[in-house]
PDB file of N, CA and C in Angstrom:
ATOM      1  N   UNK A   1      16.151  85.166 114.516  1.00  0.00           N
ATOM      2  CA  UNK A   1      15.440  84.226 114.139  1.00  0.00           C
ATOM      3  C   UNK A   1      16.163  83.120 115.078  1.00  0.00           C
ATOM      4  N   UNK A   2      15.460  82.563 115.614  1.00  0.00           N
ATOM      5  CA  UNK A   2      15.012  80.994 116.594  1.00  0.00           C
ATOM      6  C   UNK A   2      15.076  79.134 115.762  1.00  0.00           C
ATOM      7  N   UNK A   3      16.106  78.723 116.171  1.00  0.00           N
ATOM      8  CA  UNK A   3      15.570  77.637 115.569  1.00  0.00           C
ATOM      9  C   UNK A   3      14.390  76.709 115.323  1.00  0.00           C
ATOM     10  N   UNK A   4      13.671  77.588 116.669  1.00  0.00           N
ATOM     11  CA  UNK A   4      11.528  76.965 116.329  1.00  0.00           C
ATOM     12  C   UNK A   4      11.495  77.532 114.778  1.00  0.00           C
ATOM     13  N   UNK A   5      12.021  78.724 114.868  1.00  0.00           N
ATOM     14  CA  UNK A   5      10.687  79.227 113.943  1.00  0.00           C
ATOM     15  C   UNK A   5      11.812  79.123 112.564  1.00  0.00           C
ATOM     16  N   UNK A   6      13.144  79.120 112.212  1.00  0.00           N
ATOM     17  CA  UNK A   6      13.527  78.567 111.160  1.00  0.00           C
ATOM     18  C   UNK A   6      13.229  77.137 110.773  1.00  0.00           C
ATOM     19  N   UNK A   7      13.110  76.293 112.153  1.00  0.00           N
ATOM     20  CA  UNK A   7      12.460  74.828 111.423  1.00  0.00           C
ATOM     21  C   UNK A   7      11.035  74.786 110.955  1.00  0.00           C
ATOM     22  N   UNK A   8      10.003  76.038 111.415  1.00  0.00           N
ATOM     23  CA  UNK A   8       9.165  76.278 111.368  1.00  0.00           C
ATOM     24  C   UNK A   8       8.523  76.257 109.417  1.00  0.00           C
ATOM     25  N   UNK A   9       9.664  77.839 109.344  1.00  0.00           N
ATOM     26  CA  UNK A   9       9.483  78.423 107.944  1.00  0.00           C
ATOM     27  C   UNK A   9      10.282  76.666 107.409  1.00  0.00           C
ATOM     28  N   UNK A  10      11.634  76.600 107.344  1.00  0.00           N
ATOM     29  CA  UNK A  10      11.802  75.238 106.750  1.00  0.00           C
ATOM     30  C   UNK A  10      11.237  74.402 106.225  1.00  0.00           C
ATOM     31  N   UNK A  11       9.696  73.599 107.205  1.00  0.00           N
ATOM     32  CA  UNK A  11       9.457  72.521 106.962  1.00  0.00           C
ATOM     33  C   UNK A  11       8.169  73.710 106.667  1.00  0.00           C
ATOM     34  N   UNK A  12       7.231  74.078 105.888  1.00  0.00           N
ATOM     35  CA  UNK A  12       6.710  75.178 105.401  1.00  0.00           C
ATOM     36  C   UNK A  12       7.513  75.404 104.198  1.00  0.00           C
ATOM     37  N   UNK A  13       8.713  75.716 104.201  1.00  0.00           N
ATOM     38  CA  UNK A  13       8.908  75.525 102.401  1.00  0.00           C
ATOM     39  C   UNK A  13       9.312  74.044 102.113  1.00  0.00           C
ATOM     40  N   UNK A  14       9.208  72.741 102.678  1.00  0.00           N
ATOM     41  CA  UNK A  14       9.409  71.248 102.364  1.00  0.00           C
ATOM     42  C   UNK A  14       7.838  71.403 101.402  1.00  0.00           C
ATOM     43  N   UNK A  15       7.191  71.310 103.392  1.00  0.00           N
ATOM     44  CA  UNK A  15       6.216  71.498 102.492  1.00  0.00           C
ATOM     45  C   UNK A  15       4.936  71.763 101.372  1.00  0.00           C
ATOM     46  N   UNK A  16       5.868  73.221 101.209  1.00  0.00           N
ATOM     47  CA  UNK A  16       5.063  73.821  99.492  1.00  0.00           C
ATOM     48  C   UNK A  16       6.208  73.233  98.480  1.00  0.00           C
ATOM     49  N   UNK A  17       7.084  72.396  98.509  1.00  0.00           N
ATOM     50  CA  UNK A  17       8.022  72.467  97.400  1.00  0.00           C
ATOM     51  C   UNK A  17       7.119  70.434  97.878  1.00  0.00           C
ATOM     52  N   UNK A  18       7.267  69.550  98.132  1.00  0.00           N
ATOM     53  CA  UNK A  18       5.566  68.875  97.922  1.00  0.00           C
ATOM     54  C   UNK A  18       4.840  68.886  98.148  1.00  0.00           C
ATOM     55  N   UNK A  19       4.267  69.615  97.582  1.00  0.00           N
ATOM     56  CA  UNK A  19       2.516  70.204  97.216  1.00  0.00           C
ATOM     57  C   UNK A  19       3.134  71.077  95.612  1.00  0.00           C
ATOM     58  N   UNK A  20       4.250  71.781  95.443  1.00  0.00           N
ATOM     59  CA  UNK A  20       4.331  71.378  93.766  1.00  0.00           C
ATOM     60  C   UNK A  20       4.371  70.549  92.864  1.00  0.00           C
ATOM     61  N   UNK A  21       5.487  68.963  93.768  1.00  0.00           N
ATOM     62  CA  UNK A  21       5.858  68.004  93.325  1.00  0.00           C
ATOM     63  C   UNK A  21       4.807  67.825  93.227  1.00  0.00           C
ATOM     64  N   UNK A  22       3.479  67.242  93.881  1.00  0.00           N
ATOM     65  CA  UNK A  22       2.584  66.637  93.423  1.00  0.00           C
ATOM     66  C   UNK A  22       1.589  66.980  92.780  1.00  0.00           C
ATOM     67  N   UNK A  23       1.689  68.734  92.561  1.00  0.00           N
ATOM     68  CA  UNK A  23       1.089  69.504  91.076  1.00  0.00           C
ATOM     69  C   UNK A  23       1.438  69.004  89.715  1.00  0.00           C
ATOM     70  N   UNK A  24       2.901  68.893  90.528  1.00  0.00           N
ATOM     71  CA  UNK A  24       3.907  68.417  89.027  1.00  0.00           C
ATOM     72  C   UNK A  24       3.499  67.612  88.133  1.00  0.00           C
ATOM     73  N   UNK A  25       3.389  66.578  89.154  1.00  0.00           N
ATOM     74  CA  UNK A  25       3.186  64.850  88.593  1.00  0.00           C
ATOM     75  C   UNK A  25       1.860  64.716  87.693  1.00  0.00           C
ATOM     76  N   UNK A  26       0.553  65.431  88.843  1.00  0.00           N
ATOM     77  CA  UNK A  26      -1.279  65.543  88.201  1.00  0.00           C
ATOM     78  C   UNK A  26      -0.602  66.398  87.012  1.00  0.00           C
ATOM     79  N   UNK A  27      -0.659  67.366  86.738  1.00  0.00           N
ATOM     80  CA  UNK A  27      -0.487  68.010  85.702  1.00  0.00           C
ATOM     81  C   UNK A  27       0.131  67.334  84.015  1.00  0.00           C
ATOM     82  N   UNK A  28       1.780  66.696  84.131  1.00  0.00           N
ATOM     83  CA  UNK A  28       2.074  66.753  83.423  1.00  0.00           C
ATOM     84  C   UNK A  28       1.468  64.211  83.347  1.00  0.00           C
ATOM     85  N   UNK A  29       0.818  64.389  83.630  1.00  0.00           N
ATOM     86  CA  UNK A  29       0.459  62.482  83.337  1.00  0.00           C
ATOM     87  C   UNK A  29      -0.714  62.924  82.689  1.00  0.00           C
ATOM     88  N   UNK A  30      -1.315  64.158  82.082  1.00  0.00           N
ATOM     89  CA  UNK A  30      -2.094  64.228  80.925  1.00  0.00           C
ATOM     90  C   UNK A  30      -1.443  64.539  79.854  1.00  0.00           C
ATOM     91  N   UNK A  31      -0.106  64.932  79.839  1.00  0.00           N
ATOM     92  CA  UNK A  31       1.024  65.089  79.258  1.00  0.00           C
ATOM     93  C   UNK A  31       1.498  63.817  78.675  1.00  0.00           C
ATOM     94  N   UNK A  32       2.166  62.602  79.633  1.00  0.00           N
ATOM     95  CA  UNK A  32       2.419  61.167  78.529  1.00  0.00           C
ATOM     96  C   UNK A  32       1.542  60.805  77.743  1.00  0.00           C
ATOM     97  N   UNK A  33      -0.169  60.890  78.040  1.00  0.00           N
ATOM     98  CA  UNK A  33      -1.519  60.274  77.523  1.00  0.00           C
ATOM     99  C   UNK A  33      -1.214  60.774  76.143  1.00  0.00           C
ATOM    100  N   UNK A  34      -1.010  62.733  76.183  1.00  0.00           N
ATOM    101  CA  UNK A  34      -0.941  63.500  75.564  1.00  0.00           C
ATOM    102  C   UNK A  34       0.117  62.294  74.442  1.00  0.00           C
ATOM    103  N   UNK A  35       1.949  62.067  74.532  1.00  0.00           N
ATOM    104  CA  UNK A  35       2.101  62.078  74.440  1.00  0.00           C
ATOM    105  C   UNK A  35       2.655  60.463  74.127  1.00  0.00           C
ATOM    106  N   UNK A  36       0.991  60.030  74.150  1.00  0.00           N
ATOM    107  CA  UNK A  36       1.305  58.497  73.712  1.00  0.00           C
ATOM    108  C   UNK A  36       0.713  58.663  72.900  1.00  0.00           C
ATOM    109  N   UNK A  37      -0.474  58.830  72.987  1.00  0.00           N
ATOM    110  CA  UNK A  37      -1.702  59.115  71.959  1.00  0.00           C
ATOM    111  C   UNK A  37      -0.557  59.995  70.298  1.00  0.00           C
ATOM    112  N   UNK A  38      -0.326  61.059  71.019  1.00  0.00           N
ATOM    113  CA  UNK A  38       0.495  61.431  69.570  1.00  0.00           C
ATOM    114  C   UNK A  38       1.199  60.837  68.905  1.00  0.00           C
ATOM    115  N   UNK A  39       2.400  59.917  69.733  1.00  0.00           N
ATOM    116  CA  UNK A  39       2.770  58.298  68.589  1.00  0.00           C
ATOM    117  C   UNK A  39       2.118  57.357  67.889  1.00  0.00           C
ATOM    118  N   UNK A  40       0.983  56.844  68.921  1.00  0.00           N
ATOM    119  CA  UNK A  40       0.477  55.906  68.612  1.00  0.00           C
ATOM    120  C   UNK A  40       0.234  56.672  66.669  1.00  0.00           C
ATOM    121  N   UNK A  41      -0.295  58.361  66.767  1.00  0.00           N
ATOM    122  CA  UNK A  41      -0.559  58.908  65.697  1.00  0.00           C
ATOM    123  C   UNK A  41       0.026  58.512  64.399  1.00  0.00           C
ATOM    124  N   UNK A  42       0.924  58.977  65.359  1.00  0.00           N
ATOM    125  CA  UNK A  42       2.651  59.510  64.178  1.00  0.00           C
ATOM    126  C   UNK A  42       2.651  57.887  63.562  1.00  0.00           C
ATOM    127  N   UNK A  43       2.127  56.972  64.236  1.00  0.00           N
ATOM    128  CA  UNK A  43       3.116  55.398  63.593  1.00  0.00           C
ATOM    129  C   UNK A  43       1.996  55.140  62.955  1.00  0.00           C
ATOM    130  N   UNK A  44       0.637  55.672  63.006  1.00  0.00           N
ATOM    131  CA  UNK A  44      -0.532  55.404  61.822  1.00  0.00           C
ATOM    132  C   UNK A  44      -0.757  56.762  60.737  1.00  0.00           C
ATOM    133  N   UNK A  45       0.200  57.980  60.992  1.00  0.00           N
ATOM    134  CA  UNK A  45       0.333  58.449  59.589  1.00  0.00           C
ATOM    135  C   UNK A  45       1.854  57.828  59.168  1.00  0.00           C
ATOM    136  N   UNK A  46       2.088  56.812  60.147  1.00  0.00           N
ATOM    137  CA  UNK A  46       3.986  56.614  58.662  1.00  0.00           C
ATOM    138  C   UNK A  46       2.970  55.398  57.748  1.00  0.00           C
ATOM    139  N   UNK A  47       1.983  54.426  58.159  1.00  0.00           N
ATOM    140  CA  UNK A  47       1.888  53.340  57.861  1.00  0.00           C
ATOM    141  C   UNK A  47       0.701  54.320  57.073  1.00  0.00           C
ATOM    142  N   UNK A  48       0.171  55.288  56.591  1.00  0.00           N
ATOM    143  CA  UNK A  48      -1.051  55.306  56.219  1.00  0.00           C
ATOM    144  C   UNK A  48      -0.642  56.334  54.873  1.00  0.00           C
ATOM    145  N   UNK A  49       0.900  56.504  54.947  1.00  0.00           N
ATOM    146  CA  UNK A  49       1.955  57.366  53.749  1.00  0.00           C
ATOM    147  C   UNK A  49       2.798  56.269  53.381  1.00  0.00           C
ATOM    148  N   UNK A  50       2.851  55.333  53.465  1.00  0.00           N
ATOM    149  CA  UNK A  50       3.668  53.783  52.960  1.00  0.00           C
ATOM    150  C   UNK A  50       2.784  53.461  52.335  1.00  0.00           C
ATOM    151  N   UNK A  51       1.034  52.974  53.045  1.00  0.00           N
ATOM    152  CA  UNK A  51       0.086  52.658  51.456  1.00  0.00           C
ATOM    153  C   UNK A  51      -0.611  53.411  50.579  1.00  0.00           C
ATOM    154  N   UNK A  52      -0.190  54.939  51.017  1.00  0.00           N
ATOM    155  CA  UNK A  52      -0.035  55.868  49.741  1.00  0.00           C
ATOM    156  C   UNK A  52       0.859  55.739  48.758  1.00  0.00           C
ATOM    157  N   UNK A  53       2.226  55.573  49.191  1.00  0.00           N
ATOM    158  CA  UNK A  53       3.095  55.608  47.747  1.00  0.00           C
ATOM    159  C   UNK A  53       2.956  54.253  47.234  1.00  0.00           C
ATOM    160  N   UNK A  54       2.124  53.180  48.058  1.00  0.00           N
ATOM    161  CA  UNK A  54       2.953  52.102  47.015  1.00  0.00           C
ATOM    162  C   UNK A  54       1.149  52.009  46.896  1.00  0.00           C
ATOM    163  N   UNK A  55       0.702  52.609  46.135  1.00  0.00           N
ATOM    164  CA  UNK A  55      -0.724  52.616  45.175  1.00  0.00           C
ATOM    165  C   UNK A  55      -0.948  53.652  44.370  1.00  0.00           C
ATOM    166  N   UNK A  56       0.537  54.619  44.196  1.00  0.00           N
ATOM    167  CA  UNK A  56       0.832  55.225  43.478  1.00  0.00           C
ATOM    168  C   UNK A  56       1.301  55.532  42.709  1.00  0.00           C
ATOM    169  N   UNK A  57       2.157  53.739  42.927  1.00  0.00           N
ATOM    170  CA  UNK A  57       4.000  53.342  42.275  1.00  0.00           C
ATOM    171  C   UNK A  57       2.984  52.211  41.282  1.00  0.00           C
ATOM    172  N   UNK A  58       1.396  51.452  41.617  1.00  0.00           N
ATOM    173  CA  UNK A  58       1.085  50.940  40.743  1.00  0.00           C
ATOM    174  C   UNK A  58       0.511  51.651  39.724  1.00  0.00           C
ATOM    175  N   UNK A  59      -0.468  52.862  40.571  1.00  0.00           N
ATOM    176  CA  UNK A  59      -1.783  53.836  39.505  1.00  0.00           C
ATOM    177  C   UNK A  59      -0.585  53.660  38.618  1.00  0.00           C
ATOM    178  N   UNK A  60       0.951  54.496  38.101  1.00  0.00           N
ATOM    179  CA  UNK A  60       2.235  54.936  37.498  1.00  0.00           C
ATOM    180  C   UNK A  60       1.883  53.285  36.432  1.00  0.00           C
ATOM    181  N   UNK A  61       1.603  53.210  36.552  1.00  0.00           N
ATOM    182  CA  UNK A  61       1.775  51.455  35.912  1.00  0.00           C
ATOM    183  C   UNK A  61       0.595  51.324  34.153  1.00  0.00           C
ATOM    184  N   UNK A  62      -0.968  51.781  35.478  1.00  0.00           N
ATOM    185  CA  UNK A  62      -2.155  51.732  34.314  1.00  0.00           C
ATOM    186  C   UNK A  62      -1.567  52.866  33.633  1.00  0.00           C
ATOM    187  N   UNK A  63      -2.871  52.369  32.223  1.00  0.00           N
ATOM    188  CA  UNK A  63      -3.167  53.266  31.700  1.00  0.00           C
ATOM    189  C   UNK A  63      -3.297  54.689  31.783  1.00  0.00           C
ATOM    190  N   UNK A  64      -2.710  55.612  31.155  1.00  0.00           N
ATOM    191  CA  UNK A  64      -3.816  56.863  31.175  1.00  0.00           C
ATOM    192  C   UNK A  64      -4.781  56.777  29.882  1.00  0.00           C
ATOM    193  N   UNK A  65      -5.890  57.964  29.696  1.00  0.00           N
ATOM    194  CA  UNK A  65      -6.885  58.170  29.543  1.00  0.00           C
ATOM    195  C   UNK A  65      -6.860  58.279  27.962  1.00  0.00           C
ATOM    196  N   UNK A  66      -5.997  58.486  28.409  1.00  0.00           N
ATOM    197  CA  UNK A  66      -5.641  58.649  26.733  1.00  0.00           C
ATOM    198  C   UNK A  66      -4.923  57.338  25.725  1.00  0.00           C
ATOM    199  N   UNK A  67      -4.305  56.462  26.186  1.00  0.00           N
ATOM    200  CA  UNK A  67      -4.466  55.471  26.196  1.00  0.00           C
ATOM    201  C   UNK A  67      -5.265  54.340  25.948  1.00  0.00           C
ATOM    202  N   UNK A  68      -6.588  54.319  26.772  1.00  0.00           N
ATOM    203  CA  UNK A  68      -7.723  53.761  26.881  1.00  0.00           C
ATOM    204  C   UNK A  68      -8.545  54.142  25.471  1.00  0.00           C
ATOM    205  N   UNK A  69      -8.084  55.484  25.912  1.00  0.00           N
ATOM    206  CA  UNK A  69      -8.939  55.733  24.769  1.00  0.00           C
ATOM    207  C   UNK A  69      -8.729  55.432  23.163  1.00  0.00           C
ATOM    208  N   UNK A  70      -6.756  55.156  22.989  1.00  0.00           N
ATOM    209  CA  UNK A  70      -6.615  54.825  21.748  1.00  0.00           C
ATOM    210  C   UNK A  70      -6.930  53.140  21.902  1.00  0.00           C
ATOM    211  N   UNK A  71      -6.945  52.634  22.977  1.00  0.00           N
ATOM    212  CA  UNK A  71      -7.306  51.765  22.925  1.00  0.00           C
ATOM    213  C   UNK A  71      -8.710  50.950  22.707  1.00  0.00           C
ATOM    214  N   UNK A  72      -9.804  51.620  22.946  1.00  0.00           N
ATOM    215  CA  UNK A  72     -11.513  51.249  22.258  1.00  0.00           C
ATOM    216  C   UNK A  72     -11.403  52.177  20.829  1.00  0.00           C
ATOM    217  N   UNK A  73     -10.364  52.209  20.676  1.00  0.00           N
ATOM    218  CA  UNK A  73     -10.628  52.751  18.650  1.00  0.00           C
ATOM    219  C   UNK A  73     -10.299  51.694  18.326  1.00  0.00           C
ATOM    220  N   UNK A  74      -9.294  51.138  18.930  1.00  0.00           N
ATOM    221  CA  UNK A  74      -8.560  49.855  17.502  1.00  0.00           C
ATOM    222  C   UNK A  74      -9.478  48.892  18.354  1.00  0.00           C
ATOM    223  N   UNK A  75      -9.794  48.668  19.595  1.00  0.00           N
ATOM    224  CA  UNK A  75     -11.821  47.296  19.543  1.00  0.00           C
ATOM    225  C   UNK A  75     -12.411  47.413  18.723  1.00  0.00           C
ATOM    226  N   UNK A  76     -12.391  48.978  18.333  1.00  0.00           N
ATOM    227  CA  UNK A  76     -13.954  49.272  17.653  1.00  0.00           C
ATOM    228  C   UNK A  76     -13.659  49.468  16.335  1.00  0.00           C
ATOM    229  N   UNK A  77     -12.219  49.252  15.955  1.00  0.00           N
ATOM    230  CA  UNK A  77     -11.975  48.490  14.711  1.00  0.00           C
ATOM    231  C   UNK A  77     -11.264  47.154  14.779  1.00  0.00           C
ATOM    232  N   UNK A  78     -11.639  46.485  14.942  1.00  0.00           N
ATOM    233  CA  UNK A  78     -11.714  44.910  14.981  1.00  0.00           C
ATOM    234  C   UNK A  78     -12.439  44.534  15.132  1.00  0.00           C
ATOM    235  N   UNK A  79     -13.561  45.405  15.740  1.00  0.00           N
ATOM    236  CA  UNK A  79     -14.842  44.469  15.919  1.00  0.00           C
ATOM    237  C   UNK A  79     -15.600  45.250  14.344  1.00  0.00           C
ATOM    238  N   UNK A  80     -15.285  46.279  13.733  1.00  0.00           N
ATOM    239  CA  UNK A  80     -15.105  47.065  12.876  1.00  0.00           C
ATOM    240  C   UNK A  80     -14.795  45.789  11.619  1.00  0.00           C
ATOM    241  N   UNK A  81     -14.267  45.050  11.640  1.00  0.00           N
ATOM    242  CA  UNK A  81     -12.994  44.007  10.536  1.00  0.00           C
ATOM    243  C   UNK A  81     -13.340  42.827  11.192  1.00  0.00           C
ATOM    244  N   UNK A  82     -14.234  42.517  12.302  1.00  0.00           N
ATOM    245  CA  UNK A  82     -14.624  41.388  12.589  1.00  0.00           C
ATOM    246  C   UNK A  82     -16.192  40.724  11.846  1.00  0.00           C
ATOM    247  N   UNK A  83     -16.696  42.248  11.754  1.00  0.00           N
ATOM    248  CA  UNK A  83     -18.637  41.527  11.494  1.00  0.00           C
ATOM    249  C   UNK A  83     -18.392  42.451   9.549  1.00  0.00           C
ATOM    250  N   UNK A  84     -17.261  42.872   9.352  1.00  0.00           N
ATOM    251  CA  UNK A  84     -16.532  42.212   7.632  1.00  0.00           C
ATOM    252  C   UNK A  84     -16.380  40.954   7.528  1.00  0.00           C
ATOM    253  N   UNK A  85     -15.828  40.441   8.576  1.00  0.00           N
ATOM    254  CA  UNK A  85     -15.475  39.127   7.988  1.00  0.00           C
ATOM    255  C   UNK A  85     -16.716  37.706   7.992  1.00  0.00           C
ATOM    256  N   UNK A  86     -17.021  38.130   9.217  1.00  0.00           N
ATOM    257  CA  UNK A  86     -18.734  37.623   9.176  1.00  0.00           C
ATOM    258  C   UNK A  86     -19.763  37.395   8.196  1.00  0.00           C
ATOM    259  N   UNK A  87     -19.643  38.847   7.426  1.00  0.00           N
ATOM    260  CA  UNK A  87     -20.574  38.870   6.437  1.00  0.00           C
ATOM    261  C   UNK A  87     -19.738  38.247   5.096  1.00  0.00           C
ATOM    262  N   UNK A  88     -18.372  37.847   5.061  1.00  0.00           N
ATOM    263  CA  UNK A  88     -17.672  37.474   4.279  1.00  0.00           C
ATOM    264  C   UNK A  88     -17.947  35.875   4.367  1.00  0.00           C
ATOM    265  N   UNK A  89     -17.595  35.068   5.422  1.00  0.00           N
ATOM    266  CA  UNK A  89     -17.993  34.002   6.262  1.00  0.00           C
ATOM    267  C   UNK A  89     -19.549  33.303   5.751  1.00  0.00           C
ATOM    268  N   UNK A  90     -20.613  34.115   5.579  1.00  0.00           N
ATOM    269  CA  UNK A  90     -21.831  32.974   4.974  1.00  0.00           C
ATOM    270  C   UNK A  90     -22.083  32.341   3.805  1.00  0.00           C
ATOM    271  N   UNK A  91     -21.378  33.593   2.260  1.00  0.00           N
ATOM    272  CA  UNK A  91     -21.617  32.721   2.239  1.00  0.00           C
ATOM    273  C   UNK A  91     -21.021  30.833   1.894  1.00  0.00           C
ATOM    274  N   UNK A  92     -19.666  30.773   2.676  1.00  0.00           N
ATOM    275  CA  UNK A  92     -19.770  29.839   3.312  1.00  0.00           C
ATOM    276  C   UNK A  92     -19.862  28.804   4.065  1.00  0.00           C
ATOM    277  N   UNK A  93     -20.468  29.524   4.507  1.00  0.00           N
ATOM    278  CA  UNK A  93     -21.675  28.490   5.782  1.00  0.00           C
ATOM    279  C   UNK A  93     -22.607  28.393   4.646  1.00  0.00           C
ATOM    280  N   UNK A  94     -23.290  28.800   3.845  1.00  0.00           N
ATOM    281  CA  UNK A  94     -23.635  28.204   2.921  1.00  0.00           C
ATOM    282  C   UNK A  94     -23.768  26.798   2.409  1.00  0.00           C
ATOM    283  N   UNK A  95     -22.992  27.061   1.731  1.00  0.00           N
ATOM    284  CA  UNK A  95     -21.547  25.741   1.430  1.00  0.00           C
ATOM    285  C   UNK A  95     -21.866  24.954   1.624  1.00  0.00           C
ATOM    286  N   UNK A  96     -21.377  25.303   2.940  1.00  0.00           N
ATOM    287  CA  UNK A  96     -21.774  23.590   4.011  1.00  0.00           C
ATOM    288  C   UNK A  96     -22.568  23.456   4.224  1.00  0.00           C
ATOM    289  N   UNK A  97     -23.419  24.149   4.060  1.00  0.00           N
ATOM    290  CA  UNK A  97     -25.143  23.949   5.328  1.00  0.00           C
ATOM    291  C   UNK A  97     -25.555  22.837   3.727  1.00  0.00           C
ATOM    292  N   UNK A  98     -25.577  23.124   2.328  1.00  0.00           N
ATOM    293  CA  UNK A  98     -26.638  22.407   0.917  1.00  0.00           C
ATOM    294  C   UNK A  98     -25.444  20.842   0.795  1.00  0.00           C
ATOM    295  N   UNK A  99     -24.130  21.469   1.283  1.00  0.00           N
ATOM    296  CA  UNK A  99     -23.237  20.112   1.363  1.00  0.00           C
ATOM    297  C   UNK A  99     -23.526  19.115   2.383  1.00  0.00           C
ATOM    298  N   UNK A 100     -23.754  19.325   2.781  1.00  0.00           N
ATOM    299  CA  UNK A 100     -24.485  18.626   4.526  1.00  0.00           C
ATOM    300  C   UNK A 100     -25.528  17.721   4.029  1.00  0.00           C
ATOM    301  N   UNK A 101     -26.613  19.280   3.432  1.00  0.00           N
ATOM    302  CA  UNK A 101     -27.394  18.212   3.140  1.00  0.00           C
ATOM    303  C   UNK A 101     -27.395  17.891   1.610  1.00  0.00           C
ATOM    304  N   UNK A 102     -26.656  17.539   1.048  1.00  0.00           N
ATOM    305  CA  UNK A 102     -26.994  16.711  -0.390  1.00  0.00           C
ATOM    306  C   UNK A 102     -26.584  15.329   0.314  1.00  0.00           C
ATOM    307  N   UNK A 103     -25.198  15.030   1.765  1.00  0.00           N
ATOM    308  CA  UNK A 103     -24.503  14.263   1.560  1.00  0.00           C
ATOM    309  C   UNK A 103     -25.430  12.985   2.268  1.00  0.00           C
ATOM    310  N   UNK A 104     -26.690  14.026   3.239  1.00  0.00           N
ATOM    311  CA  UNK A 104     -27.959  13.089   4.552  1.00  0.00           C
ATOM    312  C   UNK A 104     -28.908  12.673   3.515  1.00  0.00           C
ATOM    313  N   UNK A 105     -28.587  13.287   2.103  1.00  0.00           N
ATOM    314  CA  UNK A 105     -29.720  12.734   1.778  1.00  0.00           C
ATOM    315  C   UNK A 105     -28.737  11.780   0.233  1.00  0.00           C
ATOM    316  N   UNK A 106     -27.793  11.656   0.249  1.00  0.00           N
ATOM    317  CA  UNK A 106     -27.143  10.730  -0.818  1.00  0.00           C
ATOM    318  C   UNK A 106     -27.195   9.132   0.101  1.00  0.00           C
ATOM    319  N   UNK A 107     -27.192   9.660   1.654  1.00  0.00           N
ATOM    320  CA  UNK A 107     -26.764   8.909   2.746  1.00  0.00           C
ATOM    321  C   UNK A 107     -27.928   7.879   2.773  1.00  0.00           C
ATOM    322  N   UNK A 108     -28.969   8.542   2.849  1.00  0.00           N
ATOM    323  CA  UNK A 108     -30.169   8.432   2.846  1.00  0.00           C
ATOM    324  C   UNK A 108     -31.121   6.906   2.048  1.00  0.00           C
ATOM    325  N   UNK A 109     -30.255   7.431   0.672  1.00  0.00           N
ATOM    326  CA  UNK A 109     -30.885   5.924  -0.658  1.00  0.00           C
ATOM    327  C   UNK A 109     -30.365   4.831   0.060  1.00  0.00           C
TER     328      UNK A 109
END
């Protein structure tokens, strides 16, 4: 082999290496955008996870179904007692109205 042939083969090898370098850069550019998109998606996922944890923490403090049902029953019992008291107060209201009418008549005289 002469030096001319070696230089031709060496030039060809360098050209192939250069082409492979460009091809790697071209194909890895899509990988870079995928890496960026994946990183953004992970950050968003972490943010959503934190929000879900805070909502779950707040839900733990809310009453459950049974507690709500007991509260409804207690409120209906209180409502019934208030209705009974309102019925008991009607005669007192009537006495007050009659007393006021009597006082108004005495004031007119």
